[in-house]
């Protein structure tokens, strides 16, 4: 049973959403990924959001562009955390998506990452799960240590190349 649902409105969002999936795979967290348009297939969307808790999801990562209703509508229906990823759009560069996702009404919060921030959405989902899962918490600590070591290695290489 997947712990995280990853949902996007279009396959054009897949490169960003795949970054969230990569992080979850790296941290050993199960997920299910779907393309469901809140606007073009509302019945399917409502079934997805209403059934997410019963399917075992503890967090939903929802990516959306332009009007960007998918994350907010997930948050309106799904009782657990929703992380929104605003997509970069050709019209307004993603600022429209960012505003749509981050400006939710009181009582319907959506944790929002940067425009195109798929990797951070995956990390945030892992951190939410780590609150009640020590194995994930330890994997996150190792992941952070690995990032730290990568920066140190890059600095050593820079110093050697001088």
C-alpha atoms as a PDB file:
ATOM      1  CA  UNK A   1       0.000   0.000   0.000  1.00  0.00           C
ATOM      2  CA  UNK A   2       1.481   3.355  -1.041  1.00  0.00           C
ATOM      3  CA  UNK A   3       2.106   5.971   1.654  1.00  0.00           C
ATOM      4  CA  UNK A   4       2.297   8.932  -0.729  1.00  0.00           C
ATOM      5  CA  UNK A   5       0.064   9.843  -3.611  1.00  0.00           C
ATOM      6  CA  UNK A   6       1.658  11.843  -6.403  1.00  0.00           C
ATOM      7  CA  UNK A   7      -0.884  13.416  -8.706  1.00  0.00           C
ATOM      8  CA  UNK A   8      -0.599  15.826 -11.607  1.00  0.00           C
ATOM      9  CA  UNK A   9      -3.040  17.302 -14.066  1.00  0.00           C
ATOM     10  CA  UNK A  10      -1.005  16.672 -17.206  1.00  0.00           C
ATOM     11  CA  UNK A  11       1.875  14.566 -18.478  1.00  0.00           C
ATOM     12  CA  UNK A  12       3.716  17.837 -19.142  1.00  0.00           C
ATOM     13  CA  UNK A  13       4.169  17.962 -15.323  1.00  0.00           C
ATOM     14  CA  UNK A  14       5.863  14.557 -15.258  1.00  0.00           C
ATOM     15  CA  UNK A  15       9.515  15.741 -15.341  1.00  0.00           C
ATOM     16  CA  UNK A  16       8.960  17.782 -12.166  1.00  0.00           C
ATOM     17  CA  UNK A  17       6.816  15.167 -10.438  1.00  0.00           C
ATOM     18  CA  UNK A  18       9.363  12.454 -11.239  1.00  0.00           C
ATOM     19  CA  UNK A  19      11.865  14.371  -9.068  1.00  0.00           C
ATOM     20  CA  UNK A  20       9.552  13.851  -6.085  1.00  0.00           C
ATOM     21  CA  UNK A  21       9.248  10.175  -6.974  1.00  0.00           C
ATOM     22  CA  UNK A  22      13.047   9.824  -7.216  1.00  0.00           C
ATOM     23  CA  UNK A  23      13.473  11.175  -3.689  1.00  0.00           C
ATOM     24  CA  UNK A  24      10.771   8.876  -2.331  1.00  0.00           C
ATOM     25  CA  UNK A  25      12.375   5.862  -4.052  1.00  0.00           C
ATOM     26  CA  UNK A  26      15.787   6.833  -2.680  1.00  0.00           C
ATOM     27  CA  UNK A  27      14.331   7.041   0.827  1.00  0.00           C
ATOM     28  CA  UNK A  28      12.426   3.755   0.489  1.00  0.00           C
ATOM     29  CA  UNK A  29       8.967   5.324   0.638  1.00  0.00           C
ATOM     30  CA  UNK A  30       6.160   3.784  -1.376  1.00  0.00           C
ATOM     31  CA  UNK A  31       4.112   5.973  -3.681  1.00  0.00           C
ATOM     32  CA  UNK A  32       1.484   5.848  -6.381  1.00  0.00           C
ATOM     33  CA  UNK A  33       1.638   8.299  -9.303  1.00  0.00           C
ATOM     34  CA  UNK A  34      -1.363   9.359 -11.380  1.00  0.00           C
ATOM     35  CA  UNK A  35      -2.389  11.897 -14.001  1.00  0.00           C
ATOM     36  CA  UNK A  36      -5.852  13.229 -13.164  1.00  0.00           C
ATOM     37  CA  UNK A  37      -7.239  16.541 -14.318  1.00  0.00           C
ATOM     38  CA  UNK A  38      -9.462  18.255 -11.751  1.00  0.00           C
ATOM     39  CA  UNK A  39     -10.967  20.320 -14.565  1.00  0.00           C
ATOM     40  CA  UNK A  40     -11.272  17.794 -17.401  1.00  0.00           C
ATOM     41  CA  UNK A  41     -12.306  14.752 -15.363  1.00  0.00           C
ATOM     42  CA  UNK A  42     -13.894  15.978 -12.138  1.00  0.00           C
ATOM     43  CA  UNK A  43     -15.611  12.675 -11.300  1.00  0.00           C
ATOM     44  CA  UNK A  44     -12.301  10.799 -11.497  1.00  0.00           C
ATOM     45  CA  UNK A  45     -10.604  13.507  -9.445  1.00  0.00           C
ATOM     46  CA  UNK A  46     -13.222  13.373  -6.678  1.00  0.00           C
ATOM     47  CA  UNK A  47     -12.982   9.574  -6.562  1.00  0.00           C
ATOM     48  CA  UNK A  48      -9.186   9.831  -6.284  1.00  0.00           C
ATOM     49  CA  UNK A  49      -9.230  12.429  -3.490  1.00  0.00           C
ATOM     50  CA  UNK A  50     -12.072  10.792  -1.556  1.00  0.00           C
ATOM     51  CA  UNK A  51     -10.444   7.353  -1.777  1.00  0.00           C
ATOM     52  CA  UNK A  52      -6.869   8.424  -0.995  1.00  0.00           C
ATOM     53  CA  UNK A  53      -7.066   7.870   2.753  1.00  0.00           C
ATOM     54  CA  UNK A  54      -8.641   4.425   2.330  1.00  0.00           C
ATOM     55  CA  UNK A  55      -5.824   3.497  -0.083  1.00  0.00           C
ATOM     56  CA  UNK A  56      -3.330   4.251   2.698  1.00  0.00           C
ATOM     57  CA  UNK A  57      -1.970   7.614   1.595  1.00  0.00           C
ATOM     58  CA  UNK A  58      -0.577   9.680   4.438  1.00  0.00           C
ATOM     59  CA  UNK A  59       0.502  12.574   2.212  1.00  0.00           C
ATOM     60  CA  UNK A  60      -0.456  13.743  -1.264  1.00  0.00           C
ATOM     61  CA  UNK A  61       1.952  15.628  -3.508  1.00  0.00           C
ATOM     62  CA  UNK A  62      -0.054  17.494  -6.146  1.00  0.00           C
ATOM     63  CA  UNK A  63       1.466  19.419  -9.033  1.00  0.00           C
ATOM     64  CA  UNK A  64      -0.463  21.925 -11.090  1.00  0.00           C
ATOM     65  CA  UNK A  65       0.002  24.812 -13.468  1.00  0.00           C
ATOM     66  CA  UNK A  66      -1.971  27.887 -14.486  1.00  0.00           C
ATOM     67  CA  UNK A  67      -5.225  27.899 -12.459  1.00  0.00           C
ATOM     68  CA  UNK A  68      -3.604  25.204 -10.272  1.00  0.00           C
ATOM     69  CA  UNK A  69      -6.706  23.895  -8.526  1.00  0.00           C
ATOM     70  CA  UNK A  70      -5.508  20.314  -8.074  1.00  0.00           C
ATOM     71  CA  UNK A  71      -3.535  20.766  -4.802  1.00  0.00           C
ATOM     72  CA  UNK A  72      -6.190  22.924  -3.146  1.00  0.00           C
ATOM     73  CA  UNK A  73      -9.014  20.621  -4.125  1.00  0.00           C
ATOM     74  CA  UNK A  74      -7.025  17.648  -2.800  1.00  0.00           C
ATOM     75  CA  UNK A  75      -6.586  19.540   0.478  1.00  0.00           C
ATOM     76  CA  UNK A  76     -10.310  20.307   0.595  1.00  0.00           C
ATOM     77  CA  UNK A  77     -11.163  16.597   0.403  1.00  0.00           C
ATOM     78  CA  UNK A  78      -8.164  14.638   1.776  1.00  0.00           C
ATOM     79  CA  UNK A  79      -7.876  15.063   5.589  1.00  0.00           C
ATOM     80  CA  UNK A  80      -4.080  14.657   5.762  1.00  0.00           C
ATOM     81  CA  UNK A  81      -1.183  16.832   4.457  1.00  0.00           C
ATOM     82  CA  UNK A  82      -1.100  17.981   0.854  1.00  0.00           C
ATOM     83  CA  UNK A  83       2.059  19.403  -0.710  1.00  0.00           C
ATOM     84  CA  UNK A  84       1.560  21.581  -3.765  1.00  0.00           C
ATOM     85  CA  UNK A  85       4.097  21.997  -6.536  1.00  0.00           C
ATOM     86  CA  UNK A  86       3.443  25.010  -8.754  1.00  0.00           C
ATOM     87  CA  UNK A  87       4.454  24.333 -12.349  1.00  0.00           C
ATOM     88  CA  UNK A  88       6.333  26.790 -14.495  1.00  0.00           C
ATOM     89  CA  UNK A  89       3.947  27.980 -17.186  1.00  0.00           C
ATOM     90  CA  UNK A  90       4.621  29.669 -20.482  1.00  0.00           C
ATOM     91  CA  UNK A  91       2.180  32.484 -19.763  1.00  0.00           C
ATOM     92  CA  UNK A  92       3.323  33.820 -16.393  1.00  0.00           C
ATOM     93  CA  UNK A  93       6.353  31.683 -15.565  1.00  0.00           C
ATOM     94  CA  UNK A  94       4.596  29.783 -12.798  1.00  0.00           C
ATOM     95  CA  UNK A  95       3.770  32.755 -10.606  1.00  0.00           C
ATOM     96  CA  UNK A  96       0.094  32.232 -11.426  1.00  0.00           C
ATOM     97  CA  UNK A  97       0.387  28.621 -10.247  1.00  0.00           C
ATOM     98  CA  UNK A  98       2.275  29.625  -7.110  1.00  0.00           C
ATOM     99  CA  UNK A  99      -0.346  32.182  -6.114  1.00  0.00           C
ATOM    100  CA  UNK A 100      -3.188  29.757  -6.801  1.00  0.00           C
ATOM    101  CA  UNK A 101      -1.657  27.084  -4.593  1.00  0.00           C
ATOM    102  CA  UNK A 102      -0.293  29.171  -1.739  1.00  0.00           C
ATOM    103  CA  UNK A 103      -3.341  31.454  -1.262  1.00  0.00           C
ATOM    104  CA  UNK A 104      -5.708  28.885   0.190  1.00  0.00           C
ATOM    105  CA  UNK A 105      -8.594  29.862   2.457  1.00  0.00           C
ATOM    106  CA  UNK A 106      -8.415  29.322   6.203  1.00  0.00           C
ATOM    107  CA  UNK A 107      -8.873  25.674   7.092  1.00  0.00           C
ATOM    108  CA  UNK A 108      -7.604  24.303   3.751  1.00  0.00           C
ATOM    109  CA  UNK A 109      -3.797  24.599   3.953  1.00  0.00           C
ATOM    110  CA  UNK A 110      -1.501  23.361   1.216  1.00  0.00           C
ATOM    111  CA  UNK A 111       2.210  23.150   2.023  1.00  0.00           C
ATOM    112  CA  UNK A 112       3.747  24.737  -1.061  1.00  0.00           C
ATOM    113  CA  UNK A 113       7.255  24.336  -2.455  1.00  0.00           C
ATOM    114  CA  UNK A 114       9.019  26.440  -5.071  1.00  0.00           C
ATOM    115  CA  UNK A 115       7.930  26.590  -8.695  1.00  0.00           C
ATOM    116  CA  UNK A 116       9.087  23.285 -10.158  1.00  0.00           C
ATOM    117  CA  UNK A 117      10.228  22.092  -6.710  1.00  0.00           C
ATOM    118  CA  UNK A 118       9.622  18.384  -7.168  1.00  0.00           C
ATOM    119  CA  UNK A 119      12.621  17.195  -5.150  1.00  0.00           C
ATOM    120  CA  UNK A 120      11.730  19.389  -2.177  1.00  0.00           C
ATOM    121  CA  UNK A 121       8.167  18.095  -2.286  1.00  0.00           C
ATOM    122  CA  UNK A 122       9.514  14.560  -1.992  1.00  0.00           C
ATOM    123  CA  UNK A 123      11.770  15.534   0.891  1.00  0.00           C
ATOM    124  CA  UNK A 124       8.936  17.357   2.670  1.00  0.00           C
ATOM    125  CA  UNK A 125       6.664  14.322   2.287  1.00  0.00           C
ATOM    126  CA  UNK A 126       9.425  12.167   3.795  1.00  0.00           C
ATOM    127  CA  UNK A 127       9.833  14.596   6.698  1.00  0.00           C
ATOM    128  CA  UNK A 128       6.099  14.495   7.385  1.00  0.00           C
ATOM    129  CA  UNK A 129       6.191  10.688   7.425  1.00  0.00           C
ATOM    130  CA  UNK A 130       9.333  10.703   9.590  1.00  0.00           C
ATOM    131  CA  UNK A 131       7.395  12.245  12.467  1.00  0.00           C
ATOM    132  CA  UNK A 132       5.968   8.795  13.165  1.00  0.00           C
ATOM    133  CA  UNK A 133       8.529   6.565  11.438  1.00  0.00           C
ATOM    134  CA  UNK A 134      12.044   6.299  12.863  1.00  0.00           C
ATOM    135  CA  UNK A 135      13.353   4.332   9.859  1.00  0.00           C
ATOM    136  CA  UNK A 136      12.445   7.159   7.495  1.00  0.00           C
ATOM    137  CA  UNK A 137      13.916   9.657   9.951  1.00  0.00           C
ATOM    138  CA  UNK A 138      17.234   7.790   9.916  1.00  0.00           C
ATOM    139  CA  UNK A 139      17.215   7.613   6.108  1.00  0.00           C
ATOM    140  CA  UNK A 140      16.599  11.383   5.993  1.00  0.00           C
ATOM    141  CA  UNK A 141      19.550  11.959   8.305  1.00  0.00           C
ATOM    142  CA  UNK A 142      21.749   9.865   6.003  1.00  0.00           C
ATOM    143  CA  UNK A 143      20.404  11.752   2.979  1.00  0.00           C
ATOM    144  CA  UNK A 144      21.300  15.086   4.631  1.00  0.00           C
ATOM    145  CA  UNK A 145      24.762  13.804   5.509  1.00  0.00           C
ATOM    146  CA  UNK A 146      25.241  12.662   1.907  1.00  0.00           C
ATOM    147  CA  UNK A 147      24.310  16.143   0.628  1.00  0.00           C
ATOM    148  CA  UNK A 148      26.784  17.671   3.062  1.00  0.00           C
ATOM    149  CA  UNK A 149      29.550  15.340   1.862  1.00  0.00           C
ATOM    150  CA  UNK A 150      28.752  16.164  -1.779  1.00  0.00           C
ATOM    151  CA  UNK A 151      29.234  19.881  -1.055  1.00  0.00           C
ATOM    152  CA  UNK A 152      32.529  19.178   0.737  1.00  0.00           C
ATOM    153  CA  UNK A 153      33.735  17.082  -2.226  1.00  0.00           C
ATOM    154  CA  UNK A 154      32.856  19.883  -4.641  1.00  0.00           C
ATOM    155  CA  UNK A 155      34.777  22.367  -2.506  1.00  0.00           C
ATOM    156  CA  UNK A 156      37.810  20.063  -2.341  1.00  0.00           C
ATOM    157  CA  UNK A 157      37.751  19.743  -6.130  1.00  0.00           C
ATOM    158  CA  UNK A 158      37.481  23.507  -6.491  1.00  0.00           C
ATOM    159  CA  UNK A 159      40.446  24.013  -4.182  1.00  0.00           C
ATOM    160  CA  UNK A 160      42.495  21.408  -6.067  1.00  0.00           C
ATOM    161  CA  UNK A 161      41.707  23.004  -9.433  1.00  0.00           C
ATOM    162  CA  UNK A 162      43.016  26.441  -8.348  1.00  0.00           C
END
